[in-house]
Protein backbone atom coordinates (compact mmCIF):
# COMPACT_ATOMS: atom_id res chain seq x y z
CA MET A 1 11.59 42.21 10.19
CA LYS A 2 10.92 39.85 13.65
CA LYS A 3 10.10 36.09 13.60
CA TRP A 4 6.56 37.01 14.38
CA GLU A 5 6.25 39.82 11.76
CA ILE A 6 7.58 37.03 9.01
CA SER A 7 5.24 34.32 10.84
CA LEU A 8 2.42 36.92 10.43
CA LEU A 9 3.04 38.17 6.64
CA VAL A 10 3.28 34.30 5.61
CA SER A 11 0.18 33.37 7.59
CA PHE A 12 -1.41 36.18 5.59
CA ALA A 13 -0.53 35.44 2.46
CA VAL A 14 -1.34 31.46 2.90
CA CYS A 15 -4.86 33.04 3.92
CA THR A 16 -5.43 34.58 1.03
CA ALA A 17 -4.37 32.58 -1.38
CA ALA A 18 -6.58 29.97 -0.17
CA LEU A 19 -9.12 32.14 0.09
CA TRP A 20 -8.82 33.39 -3.47
CA LEU A 21 -8.33 29.12 -4.37
CA GLU A 22 -11.86 28.08 -2.18
CA PRO A 23 -13.06 26.75 -5.17
CA CYS A 24 -10.39 25.97 -7.01
CA ILE A 25 -9.00 23.52 -4.15
CA LYS A 26 -13.40 22.56 -3.98
CA ASP A 27 -12.83 21.41 -8.05
CA CYS A 28 -9.86 19.37 -6.78
CA GLU A 29 -11.61 17.60 -4.10
CA ALA A 30 -14.66 17.54 -6.69
CA ILE A 31 -12.76 15.79 -9.06
CA LYS A 32 -10.47 13.23 -6.82
CA ASP A 33 -13.75 12.24 -5.19
CA LYS A 34 -15.68 10.95 -8.68
CA THR A 35 -12.03 9.53 -10.08
CA LEU A 36 -11.39 5.42 -9.77
CA ARG A 37 -7.47 5.05 -10.68
CA LEU A 38 -5.52 1.68 -12.58
CA HIS A 39 -1.83 1.57 -10.90
CA ILE A 40 -0.02 -1.59 -12.44
CA VAL A 41 4.10 -2.15 -9.87
CA ALA A 42 6.35 -4.47 -12.68
CA ASN A 43 8.37 -6.56 -10.40
CA SER A 44 11.22 -5.01 -11.61
CA ASP A 45 12.40 -2.83 -14.59
CA SER A 46 13.96 -5.48 -16.30
CA GLU A 47 12.35 -4.92 -19.64
CA ARG A 48 11.22 -7.79 -19.01
CA ASP A 49 9.40 -7.52 -16.49
CA GLN A 50 7.83 -4.09 -18.04
CA GLN A 51 6.61 -6.11 -21.07
CA ILE A 52 4.95 -8.15 -18.96
CA LYS A 53 3.18 -5.59 -17.09
CA LEU A 54 1.72 -3.77 -20.05
CA ALA A 55 0.67 -8.01 -21.00
CA VAL A 56 -1.30 -8.03 -17.60
CA ARG A 57 -2.66 -4.36 -18.23
CA ASP A 58 -4.50 -5.86 -21.87
CA ALA A 59 -5.38 -8.42 -20.45
CA VAL A 60 -7.01 -7.14 -17.31
CA LEU A 61 -8.61 -3.95 -18.77
CA PRO A 62 -11.07 -5.28 -20.67
CA MET A 63 -12.89 -7.01 -18.06
CA LEU A 64 -13.66 -3.50 -15.75
CA SER A 65 -16.78 -2.75 -17.74
CA GLU A 66 -17.28 1.01 -18.05
CA CYS A 67 -19.69 1.85 -14.55
CA GLY A 68 -22.65 4.15 -14.19
CA SER A 69 -21.65 6.14 -11.13
CA ILE A 70 -18.33 6.31 -8.90
CA ASP A 71 -20.27 4.32 -6.41
CA GLU A 72 -20.17 1.73 -8.84
CA ALA A 73 -17.32 1.47 -10.43
CA VAL A 74 -15.99 1.20 -7.33
CA THR A 75 -18.18 -1.31 -5.61
CA GLU A 76 -17.28 -3.80 -8.59
CA ALA A 77 -13.40 -3.04 -8.98
CA ARG A 78 -13.68 -4.79 -5.10
CA SER A 79 -16.35 -7.83 -5.30
CA SER A 80 -13.98 -8.23 -8.60
CA LEU A 81 -10.30 -8.38 -6.62
CA ASP A 82 -10.60 -12.82 -6.96
CA GLU A 83 -10.58 -12.94 -10.46
CA ILE A 84 -8.99 -10.13 -11.72
CA GLU A 85 -6.26 -10.90 -9.62
CA ARG A 86 -6.74 -15.16 -11.60
CA VAL A 87 -6.91 -13.52 -14.66
CA ALA A 88 -3.55 -11.43 -14.50
CA ASP A 89 -2.01 -14.54 -12.89
CA GLU A 90 -3.32 -16.44 -15.56
CA GLU A 91 -0.99 -14.36 -17.48
CA LEU A 92 1.73 -14.14 -15.92
CA LYS A 93 1.52 -17.23 -16.57
CA LYS A 94 1.31 -17.03 -20.84
CA GLN A 95 4.64 -15.25 -20.21
CA GLY A 96 5.89 -17.78 -18.72
CA VAL A 97 7.99 -16.22 -15.05
CA ASP A 98 6.54 -17.78 -11.88
CA TYR A 99 5.83 -14.32 -9.75
CA ARG A 100 2.20 -13.75 -8.84
CA SER A 101 -0.57 -10.88 -8.43
CA ARG A 102 -2.16 -9.00 -5.67
CA ALA A 103 -4.70 -6.45 -6.79
CA GLU A 104 -6.61 -4.65 -4.35
CA VAL A 105 -8.81 -1.56 -3.54
CA CYS A 106 -7.30 1.38 -1.74
CA GLU A 107 -6.06 5.54 -1.52
CA MET A 108 -2.97 6.20 -3.41
CA SER A 109 -0.96 9.40 -4.25
CA PHE A 110 -0.63 10.45 -7.38
CA ASP A 111 1.60 13.37 -9.05
CA GLU A 112 -0.58 15.45 -11.96
CA ARG A 113 -1.05 13.60 -15.17
CA THR A 114 -2.10 14.26 -18.17
CA TYR A 115 -4.45 12.27 -20.58
CA GLY A 116 -4.88 14.06 -23.78
CA ASN A 117 -5.99 17.54 -23.17
CA ILE A 118 -7.07 16.16 -19.68
CA VAL A 119 -5.40 17.04 -16.83
CA MET A 120 -5.91 15.31 -13.68
CA PRO A 121 -4.92 17.74 -10.31
CA ALA A 122 -2.02 15.84 -8.15
CA GLY A 123 -3.50 14.29 -4.95
CA SER A 124 -4.84 11.31 -3.28
CA TYR A 125 -6.91 8.87 -5.32
CA THR A 126 -9.38 5.71 -4.60
CA SER A 127 -7.14 3.20 -6.73
CA LEU A 128 -7.39 0.07 -7.71
CA ARG A 129 -3.74 -1.33 -7.36
CA ILE A 130 -1.94 -4.13 -9.09
CA THR A 131 1.16 -5.09 -8.51
CA LEU A 132 2.88 -8.21 -9.80
CA GLY A 133 6.01 -9.85 -8.09
CA ASN A 134 7.81 -8.30 -6.08
CA ALA A 135 6.05 -4.92 -7.53
CA GLU A 136 9.76 -2.71 -7.90
CA GLY A 137 9.67 -1.90 -11.30
CA LYS A 138 7.84 1.03 -12.57
CA ASN A 139 3.95 1.76 -12.74
CA TRP A 140 1.84 2.04 -14.74
CA TRP A 141 -1.51 4.57 -14.61
CA CYS A 142 -4.65 5.62 -15.97
CA VAL A 143 -8.14 6.97 -15.16
CA LEU A 144 -10.24 4.00 -15.37
CA TYR A 145 -13.55 6.27 -13.61
CA PRO A 146 -14.84 7.80 -15.62
CA ALA A 147 -13.48 5.97 -19.01
CA LEU A 148 -9.68 7.55 -19.50
CA CYS A 149 -7.90 4.68 -19.91
CA LEU A 150 -10.66 2.44 -21.76
CA SER A 151 -11.39 2.43 -25.68
CA THR A 152 -14.54 2.66 -25.02
CA ALA A 153 -14.72 5.97 -24.01
CA THR A 154 -16.80 8.68 -25.85
CA ASP A 155 -17.49 11.22 -23.04
CA PRO A 156 -15.00 10.55 -20.40
CA ILE A 157 -15.29 14.06 -17.86
CA SER A 158 -19.34 13.91 -18.53
CA GLU A 159 -19.12 13.20 -14.98
CA TYR A 160 -17.95 16.59 -13.64
CA THR A 161 -19.21 19.25 -13.57
CA GLY A 162 -18.74 22.79 -15.45
CA SER A 163 -15.86 24.70 -13.59
CA GLU A 164 -14.68 21.04 -12.68
CA LYS A 165 -14.59 19.87 -16.23
CA GLU A 166 -13.00 23.62 -16.97
CA LEU A 167 -9.99 22.76 -14.64
CA LEU A 168 -9.82 19.89 -16.27
CA THR A 169 -9.40 20.70 -19.79
CA GLY A 170 -8.36 24.92 -18.97
CA THR A 171 -5.58 26.60 -20.23
CA GLU A 172 -1.75 26.68 -18.86
CA HIS A 173 -3.38 29.03 -15.76
CA ARG A 174 -5.00 26.10 -13.88
CA ARG A 175 -1.06 23.87 -14.08
CA ILE A 176 -0.15 27.30 -11.08
CA ARG A 177 -3.59 26.92 -10.03
CA PHE A 178 -2.99 22.27 -9.46
CA LYS A 179 0.74 23.70 -8.03
CA ILE A 180 0.13 26.01 -5.91
CA VAL A 181 -3.40 24.71 -4.27
CA GLU A 182 -0.69 21.45 -3.51
CA LEU A 183 1.76 23.75 -2.44
CA ILE A 184 -1.80 24.96 0.26
CA GLU A 185 -2.41 21.36 0.78
CA SER A 186 1.09 19.97 2.06
CA LEU A 187 0.70 23.27 4.57
CA ILE A 188 -2.63 22.12 6.11
């Protein structure tokens, strides 16, 4: 087979897969657009810094109230950055370390992640990111909106539509679809 024939065949296969997966791709994008992630990065990988990261998480999470929409959640996160840093820095001081925190709302890439029976697709999400000190350690993340990491979460997937809910909570079949969507997105 010639190079151009192989290229044509591969292009045809990618286009066919894209058309077949178009609803999945749209649902994955809609899920990402309706989600606010929380990402906390430890100062280092030392056991102590990892414990401190979790103490900061426990100090910050209660101040992040459950919001009624993604826009409200992002607006609240942005307007609370100084207060989040203050609370995190107070916890760092309590823990006896001399480094500080930094909070920002940004776009971040995440791998596919499972929360109980919910699987969030990999991709770029709006995130509240808190870095501690040198931010060279392992991280901790969860979904702030809808509230998958808050103990007050009652129906964390009520924000999503029927097909999006099915994608989030479906069978192992969805993992194959997610991987194919990731591949197509990387090619596009």
